C-alpha atoms as a PDB file:
ATOM      1  CA  MET A   1     -12.889  30.715 -17.853  1.00  0.00           C
ATOM      2  CA  LYS A   2     -11.244  33.345 -15.636  1.00  0.00           C
ATOM      3  CA  LYS A   3     -13.656  32.528 -12.788  1.00  0.00           C
ATOM      4  CA  LEU A   4     -12.908  28.824 -13.113  1.00  0.00           C
ATOM      5  CA  ILE A   5      -9.158  29.425 -12.906  1.00  0.00           C
ATOM      6  CA  THR A   6      -9.624  31.672  -9.864  1.00  0.00           C
ATOM      7  CA  PHE A   7     -11.829  29.061  -8.179  1.00  0.00           C
ATOM      8  CA  LEU A   8      -9.317  26.276  -8.828  1.00  0.00           C
ATOM      9  CA  PHE A   9      -6.487  28.428  -7.501  1.00  0.00           C
ATOM     10  CA  LEU A  10      -8.380  29.234  -4.298  1.00  0.00           C
ATOM     11  CA  LEU A  11      -9.328  25.587  -3.874  1.00  0.00           C
ATOM     12  CA  SER A  12      -5.699  24.474  -4.254  1.00  0.00           C
ATOM     13  CA  VAL A  13      -4.547  27.089  -1.718  1.00  0.00           C
ATOM     14  CA  ALA A  14      -7.225  25.976   0.746  1.00  0.00           C
ATOM     15  CA  TYR A  15      -6.114  22.357   0.589  1.00  0.00           C
ATOM     16  CA  ALA A  16      -2.381  23.163   0.640  1.00  0.00           C
ATOM     17  CA  GLN A  17      -2.610  24.097   4.325  1.00  0.00           C
ATOM     18  CA  ASN A  18      -3.474  21.417   6.850  1.00  0.00           C
ATOM     19  CA  SER A  19      -5.395  23.546   9.339  1.00  0.00           C
ATOM     20  CA  TRP A  20      -7.602  26.611   9.609  1.00  0.00           C
ATOM     21  CA  VAL A  21      -9.049  29.222  11.927  1.00  0.00           C
ATOM     22  CA  ASN A  22     -12.403  30.963  11.784  1.00  0.00           C
ATOM     23  CA  ILE A  23     -12.240  34.594  12.932  1.00  0.00           C
ATOM     24  CA  SER A  24     -15.589  35.860  14.265  1.00  0.00           C
ATOM     25  CA  VAL A  25     -16.057  39.578  14.896  1.00  0.00           C
ATOM     26  CA  GLN A  26     -19.094  41.420  16.215  1.00  0.00           C
ATOM     27  CA  THR A  27     -18.321  45.087  15.591  1.00  0.00           C
ATOM     28  CA  ASP A  28     -19.426  48.103  17.575  1.00  0.00           C
ATOM     29  CA  GLN A  29     -20.814  51.379  16.140  1.00  0.00           C
ATOM     30  CA  TYR A  30     -17.384  52.325  14.745  1.00  0.00           C
ATOM     31  CA  ALA A  31     -16.260  49.317  12.692  1.00  0.00           C
ATOM     32  CA  GLY A  32     -13.857  51.473  10.665  1.00  0.00           C
ATOM     33  CA  GLU A  33     -11.634  51.684  13.756  1.00  0.00           C
ATOM     34  CA  THR A  34     -11.291  47.873  13.994  1.00  0.00           C
ATOM     35  CA  SER A  35      -8.597  45.821  12.278  1.00  0.00           C
ATOM     36  CA  TRP A  36      -6.673  42.629  12.963  1.00  0.00           C
ATOM     37  CA  GLU A  37      -3.642  40.666  11.790  1.00  0.00           C
ATOM     38  CA  ILE A  38      -2.377  37.102  12.242  1.00  0.00           C
ATOM     39  CA  TYR A  39       1.348  36.480  12.589  1.00  0.00           C
ATOM     40  CA  GLU A  40       3.427  33.326  12.475  1.00  0.00           C
ATOM     41  CA  GLY A  41       6.471  34.505  14.406  1.00  0.00           C
ATOM     42  CA  THR A  42       7.171  37.892  12.815  1.00  0.00           C
ATOM     43  CA  ASN A  43       5.610  37.024   9.437  1.00  0.00           C
ATOM     44  CA  LEU A  44       2.204  38.523   8.664  1.00  0.00           C
ATOM     45  CA  VAL A  45       0.003  35.707   7.293  1.00  0.00           C
ATOM     46  CA  ALA A  46      -3.509  37.241   7.277  1.00  0.00           C
ATOM     47  CA  SER A  47      -5.400  40.474   7.895  1.00  0.00           C
ATOM     48  CA  ASN A  48      -9.000  41.553   8.196  1.00  0.00           C
ATOM     49  CA  PRO A  49     -11.560  42.433   5.548  1.00  0.00           C
ATOM     50  CA  MET A  50     -13.520  45.704   5.788  1.00  0.00           C
ATOM     51  CA  TYR A  51     -16.299  45.637   8.384  1.00  0.00           C
ATOM     52  CA  GLN A  52     -19.695  47.280   8.646  1.00  0.00           C
ATOM     53  CA  SER A  53     -20.758  48.914  11.908  1.00  0.00           C
ATOM     54  CA  ASN A  54     -22.817  46.803  14.325  1.00  0.00           C
ATOM     55  CA  SER A  55     -22.415  43.659  12.223  1.00  0.00           C
ATOM     56  CA  TYR A  56     -21.322  40.062  12.721  1.00  0.00           C
ATOM     57  CA  GLU A  57     -18.693  38.742  10.299  1.00  0.00           C
ATOM     58  CA  GLU A  58     -16.769  35.479   9.984  1.00  0.00           C
ATOM     59  CA  THR A  59     -13.505  35.055   8.063  1.00  0.00           C
ATOM     60  CA  LEU A  60     -12.102  31.588   7.367  1.00  0.00           C
ATOM     61  CA  ILE A  61      -8.289  31.494   7.122  1.00  0.00           C
ATOM     62  CA  PHE A  62      -6.420  28.363   5.972  1.00  0.00           C
ATOM     63  CA  LEU A  63      -3.019  27.938   7.660  1.00  0.00           C
ATOM     64  CA  ASP A  64      -0.459  25.259   8.417  1.00  0.00           C
ATOM     65  CA  GLU A  65      -0.397  23.771  11.877  1.00  0.00           C
ATOM     66  CA  GLY A  66       1.795  25.800  14.188  1.00  0.00           C
ATOM     67  CA  SER A  67       1.930  28.687  16.649  1.00  0.00           C
ATOM     68  CA  TYR A  68       0.361  32.041  15.772  1.00  0.00           C
ATOM     69  CA  SER A  69      -0.564  35.370  17.292  1.00  0.00           C
ATOM     70  CA  PHE A  70      -3.773  37.233  16.543  1.00  0.00           C
ATOM     71  CA  VAL A  71      -3.492  40.984  17.097  1.00  0.00           C
ATOM     72  CA  ILE A  72      -6.627  43.126  17.078  1.00  0.00           C
ATOM     73  CA  TYR A  73      -6.500  46.920  16.970  1.00  0.00           C
ATOM     74  CA  ASP A  74      -8.867  49.779  17.659  1.00  0.00           C
ATOM     75  CA  SER A  75      -7.496  52.974  16.141  1.00  0.00           C
ATOM     76  CA  PHE A  76      -9.474  55.201  18.549  1.00  0.00           C
ATOM     77  CA  GLY A  77      -8.220  53.187  21.504  1.00  0.00           C
ATOM     78  CA  ASP A  78     -11.523  52.254  23.156  1.00  0.00           C
ATOM     79  CA  GLY A  79     -11.905  48.701  21.833  1.00  0.00           C
ATOM     80  CA  ILE A  80     -15.130  47.200  20.536  1.00  0.00           C
ATOM     81  CA  CYS A  81     -16.985  46.391  23.714  1.00  0.00           C
ATOM     82  CA  CYS A  82     -18.714  48.430  26.230  1.00  0.00           C
ATOM     83  CA  SER A  83     -19.067  52.134  25.328  1.00  0.00           C
ATOM     84  CA  TYR A  84     -20.333  52.067  21.725  1.00  0.00           C
ATOM     85  CA  GLY A  85     -21.841  48.609  21.303  1.00  0.00           C
ATOM     86  CA  GLU A  86     -21.470  45.045  22.465  1.00  0.00           C
ATOM     87  CA  GLY A  87     -18.588  44.036  20.194  1.00  0.00           C
ATOM     88  CA  TRP A  88     -16.487  40.912  20.679  1.00  0.00           C
ATOM     89  CA  PHE A  89     -14.184  38.594  18.717  1.00  0.00           C
ATOM     90  CA  GLY A  90     -13.339  34.908  18.623  1.00  0.00           C
ATOM     91  CA  LEU A  91     -10.988  32.374  17.085  1.00  0.00           C
ATOM     92  CA  SER A  92     -12.220  28.836  16.525  1.00  0.00           C
ATOM     93  CA  ASN A  93     -12.083  25.674  14.461  1.00  0.00           C
ATOM     94  CA  GLU A  94     -13.737  22.257  14.679  1.00  0.00           C
ATOM     95  CA  CYS A  95     -10.710  20.541  16.228  1.00  0.00           C
ATOM     96  CA  THR A  96      -9.180  22.197  19.300  1.00  0.00           C
ATOM     97  CA  LEU A  97      -9.486  25.970  19.070  1.00  0.00           C
ATOM     98  CA  GLN A  98     -12.204  27.886  20.936  1.00  0.00           C
ATOM     99  CA  ASN A  99     -11.117  31.317  22.176  1.00  0.00           C
ATOM    100  CA  TYR A 100     -13.591  34.196  22.527  1.00  0.00           C
ATOM    101  CA  VAL A 101     -12.917  37.655  23.982  1.00  0.00           C
ATOM    102  CA  TYR A 102     -15.850  39.797  25.136  1.00  0.00           C
ATOM    103  CA  ASP A 103     -13.954  42.562  26.945  1.00  0.00           C
ATOM    104  CA  PHE A 104     -11.593  44.120  24.362  1.00  0.00           C
ATOM    105  CA  ASP A 105     -11.653  47.743  25.513  1.00  0.00           C
ATOM    106  CA  GLY A 106      -8.257  49.172  24.554  1.00  0.00           C
ATOM    107  CA  ALA A 107      -6.088  50.083  21.593  1.00  0.00           C
ATOM    108  CA  THR A 108      -4.734  46.563  20.980  1.00  0.00           C
ATOM    109  CA  GLN A 109      -4.924  43.020  22.288  1.00  0.00           C
ATOM    110  CA  THR A 110      -2.907  39.931  21.361  1.00  0.00           C
ATOM    111  CA  VAL A 111      -4.155  36.344  21.551  1.00  0.00           C
ATOM    112  CA  TYR A 112      -1.630  33.530  21.078  1.00  0.00           C
ATOM    113  CA  PHE A 113      -2.939  30.266  19.684  1.00  0.00           C
ATOM    114  CA  ASP A 114      -1.722  26.924  18.373  1.00  0.00           C
ATOM    115  CA  LEU A 115      -3.236  25.126  15.403  1.00  0.00           C
ATOM    116  CA  LEU A 116      -3.128  21.358  15.120  1.00  0.00           C
ATOM    117  CA  ALA A 117      -3.858  19.543  11.864  1.00  0.00           C
ATOM    118  CA  CYS A 118      -7.577  19.985  11.230  1.00  0.00           C
ATOM    119  CA  PRO A 119      -9.491  18.957   8.086  1.00  0.00           C
ATOM    120  CA  PRO A 120     -11.263  21.841   6.336  1.00  0.00           C
ATOM    121  CA  PRO A 121     -14.892  22.407   7.321  1.00  0.00           C
ATOM    122  CA  ALA A 122     -17.416  20.575   5.169  1.00  0.00           C
ATOM    123  CA  GLU A 123     -19.645  22.747   3.031  1.00  0.00           C
ATOM    124  CA  GLY A 124     -23.224  21.901   2.242  1.00  0.00           C
ATOM    125  CA  CYS A 125     -25.178  18.871   3.351  1.00  0.00           C
ATOM    126  CA  THR A 126     -23.114  15.899   4.520  1.00  0.00           C
ATOM    127  CA  ASP A 127     -26.133  13.598   4.932  1.00  0.00           C
ATOM    128  CA  THR A 128     -25.794  10.752   2.411  1.00  0.00           C
ATOM    129  CA  GLU A 129     -29.552  10.406   2.172  1.00  0.00           C
END
């Protein structure tokens, strides 16, 4: 019963927002140094999960349409590309957002993006036959 309530809550939250962003991260050898946050103005609206070294992860975040900033950090200050692996990150959705960064090599980088209304991604097979 507890799992059903949790599922219904998450489903209602997902459909309460009218847009979304998929955060893709390919980490380097030191994933523990990598973190990110999404802000709407000065309000923090999302932050990263824990990452494994040299792994590819995607995080789907449901948000309202509007203007946001994505801030990625590297606590050691050398970024995720270049010296200790071929790390990169991207922000995307199926409507208008496609922004990938392959040269993050510092302590922090900010990417500003706008979300338009975008239906949630379909899960599973959408073929009627």
